C-alpha atoms as a PDB file:
ATOM      1  CA  UNK A   1       0.059  -0.031   0.015  1.00  0.00           C
ATOM      2  CA  UNK A   2       1.113   3.331  -0.752  1.00  0.00           C
ATOM      3  CA  UNK A   3       0.595   6.251   1.733  1.00  0.00           C
ATOM      4  CA  UNK A   4       1.766   9.769   1.881  1.00  0.00           C
ATOM      5  CA  UNK A   5       0.457  13.236   1.445  1.00  0.00           C
ATOM      6  CA  UNK A   6      -1.415  14.613  -1.689  1.00  0.00           C
ATOM      7  CA  UNK A   7       1.109  15.098  -4.377  1.00  0.00           C
ATOM      8  CA  UNK A   8       4.368  12.929  -2.856  1.00  0.00           C
ATOM      9  CA  UNK A   9       4.240  10.803  -6.276  1.00  0.00           C
ATOM     10  CA  UNK A  10       2.583   7.719  -4.830  1.00  0.00           C
ATOM     11  CA  UNK A  11       0.351   7.384  -8.205  1.00  0.00           C
ATOM     12  CA  UNK A  12       3.442   8.281 -10.219  1.00  0.00           C
ATOM     13  CA  UNK A  13       5.616   5.596  -8.246  1.00  0.00           C
ATOM     14  CA  UNK A  14       3.021   2.877  -8.938  1.00  0.00           C
ATOM     15  CA  UNK A  15       2.522   3.828 -12.600  1.00  0.00           C
ATOM     16  CA  UNK A  16       6.464   4.010 -13.210  1.00  0.00           C
ATOM     17  CA  UNK A  17       6.627   0.628 -11.559  1.00  0.00           C
ATOM     18  CA  UNK A  18       3.914  -1.217 -13.251  1.00  0.00           C
ATOM     19  CA  UNK A  19       4.058   0.524 -16.954  1.00  0.00           C
ATOM     20  CA  UNK A  20       7.588   1.876 -16.890  1.00  0.00           C
ATOM     21  CA  UNK A  21       5.910   5.386 -17.689  1.00  0.00           C
ATOM     22  CA  UNK A  22       5.887   8.745 -16.010  1.00  0.00           C
ATOM     23  CA  UNK A  23       2.793  11.129 -15.762  1.00  0.00           C
ATOM     24  CA  UNK A  24       4.019  14.266 -16.540  1.00  0.00           C
ATOM     25  CA  UNK A  25       1.875  17.457 -16.141  1.00  0.00           C
ATOM     26  CA  UNK A  26      -1.296  17.504 -14.348  1.00  0.00           C
ATOM     27  CA  UNK A  27      -3.479  14.638 -13.936  1.00  0.00           C
ATOM     28  CA  UNK A  28      -6.347  13.820 -11.744  1.00  0.00           C
ATOM     29  CA  UNK A  29      -5.671  13.073  -7.947  1.00  0.00           C
ATOM     30  CA  UNK A  30      -6.612   9.717  -6.629  1.00  0.00           C
ATOM     31  CA  UNK A  31     -10.141   9.675  -4.830  1.00  0.00           C
ATOM     32  CA  UNK A  32     -10.211   7.120  -1.993  1.00  0.00           C
ATOM     33  CA  UNK A  33      -8.069   4.353  -3.311  1.00  0.00           C
ATOM     34  CA  UNK A  34      -7.132   2.483  -6.427  1.00  0.00           C
ATOM     35  CA  UNK A  35      -5.015  -0.505  -7.021  1.00  0.00           C
ATOM     36  CA  UNK A  36      -2.791  -2.344  -9.798  1.00  0.00           C
ATOM     37  CA  UNK A  37      -1.456  -5.760 -10.158  1.00  0.00           C
ATOM     38  CA  UNK A  38       2.237  -6.652 -11.085  1.00  0.00           C
ATOM     39  CA  UNK A  39       3.798 -10.020 -11.577  1.00  0.00           C
ATOM     40  CA  UNK A  40       7.375 -10.051 -10.631  1.00  0.00           C
ATOM     41  CA  UNK A  41       9.947 -12.701 -10.333  1.00  0.00           C
ATOM     42  CA  UNK A  42      11.875 -13.167  -6.772  1.00  0.00           C
ATOM     43  CA  UNK A  43      14.525 -15.845  -6.733  1.00  0.00           C
ATOM     44  CA  UNK A  44      12.953 -17.850  -9.533  1.00  0.00           C
ATOM     45  CA  UNK A  45       9.293 -17.566  -8.217  1.00  0.00           C
ATOM     46  CA  UNK A  46       6.514 -15.664  -9.530  1.00  0.00           C
ATOM     47  CA  UNK A  47       5.102 -13.217  -7.140  1.00  0.00           C
ATOM     48  CA  UNK A  48       1.478 -11.344  -7.843  1.00  0.00           C
ATOM     49  CA  UNK A  49       1.800  -8.128  -6.115  1.00  0.00           C
ATOM     50  CA  UNK A  50      -1.353  -6.121  -5.467  1.00  0.00           C
ATOM     51  CA  UNK A  51      -0.401  -2.457  -5.044  1.00  0.00           C
ATOM     52  CA  UNK A  52      -3.020  -0.117  -3.629  1.00  0.00           C
ATOM     53  CA  UNK A  53      -2.560   3.639  -4.310  1.00  0.00           C
ATOM     54  CA  UNK A  54      -4.310   5.934  -1.793  1.00  0.00           C
ATOM     55  CA  UNK A  55      -5.385   9.171  -1.611  1.00  0.00           C
ATOM     56  CA  UNK A  56      -3.406  11.759   0.463  1.00  0.00           C
ATOM     57  CA  UNK A  57      -5.794  14.306   1.209  1.00  0.00           C
ATOM     58  CA  UNK A  58      -7.183  14.178   4.731  1.00  0.00           C
ATOM     59  CA  UNK A  59     -10.880  13.985   3.799  1.00  0.00           C
ATOM     60  CA  UNK A  60     -10.151  10.382   2.530  1.00  0.00           C
ATOM     61  CA  UNK A  61      -8.220   9.310   5.811  1.00  0.00           C
ATOM     62  CA  UNK A  62     -11.082   7.717   7.284  1.00  0.00           C
ATOM     63  CA  UNK A  63     -11.271   5.272   4.153  1.00  0.00           C
ATOM     64  CA  UNK A  64      -7.904   4.620   3.947  1.00  0.00           C
ATOM     65  CA  UNK A  65      -7.346   3.516   7.267  1.00  0.00           C
ATOM     66  CA  UNK A  66      -9.863   0.867   6.571  1.00  0.00           C
ATOM     67  CA  UNK A  67      -7.297  -0.741   4.221  1.00  0.00           C
ATOM     68  CA  UNK A  68      -4.277  -0.670   6.547  1.00  0.00           C
ATOM     69  CA  UNK A  69      -5.357  -3.491   8.428  1.00  0.00           C
ATOM     70  CA  UNK A  70      -4.812  -6.038   5.609  1.00  0.00           C
ATOM     71  CA  UNK A  71      -1.759  -4.619   4.151  1.00  0.00           C
ATOM     72  CA  UNK A  72       1.192  -6.667   4.345  1.00  0.00           C
ATOM     73  CA  UNK A  73       3.654  -3.705   3.419  1.00  0.00           C
ATOM     74  CA  UNK A  74       3.409   0.125   3.592  1.00  0.00           C
ATOM     75  CA  UNK A  75       5.564   2.189   1.340  1.00  0.00           C
ATOM     76  CA  UNK A  76       5.311   5.685   2.978  1.00  0.00           C
ATOM     77  CA  UNK A  77       6.219   8.388   0.787  1.00  0.00           C
ATOM     78  CA  UNK A  78       7.408  12.106   1.024  1.00  0.00           C
ATOM     79  CA  UNK A  79       8.534  14.534  -1.416  1.00  0.00           C
ATOM     80  CA  UNK A  80      12.213  15.724  -1.033  1.00  0.00           C
ATOM     81  CA  UNK A  81      11.228  19.171  -2.240  1.00  0.00           C
ATOM     82  CA  UNK A  82       8.355  19.806   0.189  1.00  0.00           C
ATOM     83  CA  UNK A  83       8.998  19.950   4.134  1.00  0.00           C
ATOM     84  CA  UNK A  84       5.258  19.930   5.013  1.00  0.00           C
ATOM     85  CA  UNK A  85       4.945  16.382   3.159  1.00  0.00           C
ATOM     86  CA  UNK A  86       8.263  15.320   5.092  1.00  0.00           C
ATOM     87  CA  UNK A  87       6.938  16.818   8.469  1.00  0.00           C
ATOM     88  CA  UNK A  88       3.835  14.778   8.462  1.00  0.00           C
ATOM     89  CA  UNK A  89       5.754  11.761   8.388  1.00  0.00           C
ATOM     90  CA  UNK A  90       5.596  11.040  12.301  1.00  0.00           C
ATOM     91  CA  UNK A  91       1.774  11.417  11.907  1.00  0.00           C
ATOM     92  CA  UNK A  92       1.611   8.813   9.164  1.00  0.00           C
ATOM     93  CA  UNK A  93       3.787   6.619  11.123  1.00  0.00           C
ATOM     94  CA  UNK A  94       1.182   7.123  13.869  1.00  0.00           C
ATOM     95  CA  UNK A  95      -1.552   6.330  11.905  1.00  0.00           C
ATOM     96  CA  UNK A  96       0.403   3.092  10.757  1.00  0.00           C
ATOM     97  CA  UNK A  97       0.985   2.005  14.473  1.00  0.00           C
ATOM     98  CA  UNK A  98      -2.705   2.312  15.137  1.00  0.00           C
ATOM     99  CA  UNK A  99      -4.178   0.710  12.246  1.00  0.00           C
ATOM    100  CA  UNK A 100      -1.813  -1.732  10.561  1.00  0.00           C
ATOM    101  CA  UNK A 101      -0.852  -5.134  11.648  1.00  0.00           C
ATOM    102  CA  UNK A 102       2.339  -5.227  14.448  1.00  0.00           C
ATOM    103  CA  UNK A 103       4.500  -6.940  11.898  1.00  0.00           C
ATOM    104  CA  UNK A 104       3.694  -5.016   8.519  1.00  0.00           C
ATOM    105  CA  UNK A 105       6.673  -4.079   6.462  1.00  0.00           C
ATOM    106  CA  UNK A 106       7.224  -0.481   6.343  1.00  0.00           C
ATOM    107  CA  UNK A 107       9.596   1.462   3.733  1.00  0.00           C
ATOM    108  CA  UNK A 108       9.989   5.041   4.219  1.00  0.00           C
ATOM    109  CA  UNK A 109      10.688   6.603   0.706  1.00  0.00           C
ATOM    110  CA  UNK A 110      11.936  10.119  -0.007  1.00  0.00           C
ATOM    111  CA  UNK A 111      10.743  10.568  -3.622  1.00  0.00           C
ATOM    112  CA  UNK A 112      11.656  13.209  -6.237  1.00  0.00           C
ATOM    113  CA  UNK A 113      15.358  13.127  -5.746  1.00  0.00           C
ATOM    114  CA  UNK A 114      15.664  13.913  -9.339  1.00  0.00           C
ATOM    115  CA  UNK A 115      14.984  17.438  -7.830  1.00  0.00           C
ATOM    116  CA  UNK A 116      18.204  19.469  -8.425  1.00  0.00           C
ATOM    117  CA  UNK A 117      18.465  22.575  -6.517  1.00  0.00           C
ATOM    118  CA  UNK A 118      14.583  22.336  -5.391  1.00  0.00           C
ATOM    119  CA  UNK A 119      15.559  19.797  -2.614  1.00  0.00           C
ATOM    120  CA  UNK A 120      14.650  20.941   0.831  1.00  0.00           C
ATOM    121  CA  UNK A 121      15.119  17.458   2.790  1.00  0.00           C
ATOM    122  CA  UNK A 122      18.184  16.138   2.942  1.00  0.00           C
ATOM    123  CA  UNK A 123      19.084  12.364   2.455  1.00  0.00           C
ATOM    124  CA  UNK A 124      20.313  12.192   5.863  1.00  0.00           C
ATOM    125  CA  UNK A 125      17.203  13.702   7.567  1.00  0.00           C
ATOM    126  CA  UNK A 126      15.435  10.717   5.837  1.00  0.00           C
ATOM    127  CA  UNK A 127      17.787   8.233   7.013  1.00  0.00           C
ATOM    128  CA  UNK A 128      17.748   9.399  10.705  1.00  0.00           C
ATOM    129  CA  UNK A 129      14.194   9.186  10.615  1.00  0.00           C
ATOM    130  CA  UNK A 130      13.804   5.551   9.318  1.00  0.00           C
ATOM    131  CA  UNK A 131      16.311   4.808  11.944  1.00  0.00           C
ATOM    132  CA  UNK A 132      14.414   6.414  14.486  1.00  0.00           C
ATOM    133  CA  UNK A 133      11.628   4.398  13.530  1.00  0.00           C
ATOM    134  CA  UNK A 134      13.299   1.174  12.521  1.00  0.00           C
ATOM    135  CA  UNK A 135      12.216   1.134   8.913  1.00  0.00           C
ATOM    136  CA  UNK A 136      13.934   0.799   5.621  1.00  0.00           C
ATOM    137  CA  UNK A 137      14.900   4.048   3.849  1.00  0.00           C
ATOM    138  CA  UNK A 138      15.451   4.850   0.254  1.00  0.00           C
ATOM    139  CA  UNK A 139      15.376   8.024  -2.095  1.00  0.00           C
ATOM    140  CA  UNK A 140      13.575   7.372  -5.621  1.00  0.00           C
ATOM    141  CA  UNK A 141      12.839   9.145  -8.351  1.00  0.00           C
ATOM    142  CA  UNK A 142       9.174   8.174 -10.685  1.00  0.00           C
ATOM    143  CA  UNK A 143      10.546  10.663 -13.040  1.00  0.00           C
ATOM    144  CA  UNK A 144      14.044   9.180 -14.016  1.00  0.00           C
ATOM    145  CA  UNK A 145      12.903   5.765 -12.252  1.00  0.00           C
ATOM    146  CA  UNK A 146      15.764   5.582  -9.888  1.00  0.00           C
ATOM    147  CA  UNK A 147      15.359   3.051  -7.355  1.00  0.00           C
ATOM    148  CA  UNK A 148      11.479   2.488  -8.181  1.00  0.00           C
ATOM    149  CA  UNK A 149      12.012  -0.973  -9.010  1.00  0.00           C
ATOM    150  CA  UNK A 150      14.362  -1.580  -6.192  1.00  0.00           C
ATOM    151  CA  UNK A 151      11.915  -0.415  -3.802  1.00  0.00           C
ATOM    152  CA  UNK A 152       9.072  -2.743  -4.953  1.00  0.00           C
ATOM    153  CA  UNK A 153      11.508  -5.554  -5.341  1.00  0.00           C
ATOM    154  CA  UNK A 154      12.803  -5.372  -1.582  1.00  0.00           C
ATOM    155  CA  UNK A 155       9.315  -5.702  -0.230  1.00  0.00           C
ATOM    156  CA  UNK A 156       8.586  -8.411  -2.706  1.00  0.00           C
ATOM    157  CA  UNK A 157      11.635 -10.197  -1.423  1.00  0.00           C
ATOM    158  CA  UNK A 158      10.958  -9.940   2.389  1.00  0.00           C
ATOM    159  CA  UNK A 159       6.889 -10.731   1.948  1.00  0.00           C
ATOM    160  CA  UNK A 160       8.132 -13.909  -0.074  1.00  0.00           C
ATOM    161  CA  UNK A 161      10.653 -14.528   3.138  1.00  0.00           C
ATOM    162  CA  UNK A 162       7.829 -14.294   5.530  1.00  0.00           C
ATOM    163  CA  UNK A 163       5.566 -16.696   3.515  1.00  0.00           C
ATOM    164  CA  UNK A 164       8.176 -19.271   3.491  1.00  0.00           C
ATOM    165  CA  UNK A 165       8.395 -19.150   7.229  1.00  0.00           C
ATOM    166  CA  UNK A 166      12.509 -18.911   6.628  1.00  0.00           C
ATOM    167  CA  UNK A 167      13.386 -17.578   9.807  1.00  0.00           C
ATOM    168  CA  UNK A 168      17.095 -18.377   9.918  1.00  0.00           C
ATOM    169  CA  UNK A 169      19.554 -16.462  11.425  1.00  0.00           C
ATOM    170  CA  UNK A 170      21.003 -15.549   7.915  1.00  0.00           C
ATOM    171  CA  UNK A 171      17.687 -14.048   7.034  1.00  0.00           C
ATOM    172  CA  UNK A 172      16.676 -11.709   4.104  1.00  0.00           C
ATOM    173  CA  UNK A 173      16.639  -7.962   5.773  1.00  0.00           C
ATOM    174  CA  UNK A 174      15.183  -5.319   3.780  1.00  0.00           C
ATOM    175  CA  UNK A 175      17.005  -2.436   4.946  1.00  0.00           C
ATOM    176  CA  UNK A 176      20.507  -4.215   4.438  1.00  0.00           C
ATOM    177  CA  UNK A 177      19.099  -5.165   0.760  1.00  0.00           C
ATOM    178  CA  UNK A 178      18.011  -1.623   0.196  1.00  0.00           C
ATOM    179  CA  UNK A 179      21.345  -0.160   1.702  1.00  0.00           C
ATOM    180  CA  UNK A 180      23.465  -2.509  -0.534  1.00  0.00           C
ATOM    181  CA  UNK A 181      21.583  -2.008  -4.047  1.00  0.00           C
ATOM    182  CA  UNK A 182      21.028   1.661  -3.498  1.00  0.00           C
ATOM    183  CA  UNK A 183      24.839   2.462  -3.174  1.00  0.00           C
ATOM    184  CA  UNK A 184      24.804   0.711  -6.774  1.00  0.00           C
ATOM    185  CA  UNK A 185      22.251   3.448  -8.314  1.00  0.00           C
ATOM    186  CA  UNK A 186      22.083   6.467  -5.966  1.00  0.00           C
ATOM    187  CA  UNK A 187      20.083   9.351  -6.913  1.00  0.00           C
ATOM    188  CA  UNK A 188      22.378  12.181  -8.243  1.00  0.00           C
ATOM    189  CA  UNK A 189      23.349  15.081  -5.486  1.00  0.00           C
ATOM    190  CA  UNK A 190      21.236  18.113  -5.595  1.00  0.00           C
ATOM    191  CA  UNK A 191      22.539  20.572  -7.958  1.00  0.00           C
ATOM    192  CA  UNK A 192      23.764  18.209 -10.528  1.00  0.00           C
END
């Protein structure tokens, strides 16, 4: 399930992942919830992801809360060019703690990392907040596609691991996987 304030790029991330396209220009905001499916391959197994895209506006919160309970994973987005969307992350995490399952996989995503000089939230700020809440973190760009596939594949790997019941000491870690893989394809620094 994709969560976050209105305008942070939830629908754009989903369309980039599923269709490989970027929604440029103005488009209609998500009303309530929408979902898309995509089948991915994880360790030679086909995994069907059903991804729910939620409206970020406050007026739809009571509707979206009902979907939290059944979610296996939550991707919580903020816009690196919008301080308010980052400041609201703590409130979103509070709602997640209240309405979602205790073992839900949570990933914090700073979107629009292709921002150049418009960035107002540093990567380090996102990393610090993710450490505080013990959740995985990465930055993405729906526009360029940087780390979009990686975000969903990391979640798919973790969900597959959980379903298999494989809880050995060498278990898969979303946070470690994301850290290793994002080092290979980081977002460009601001100003470049």
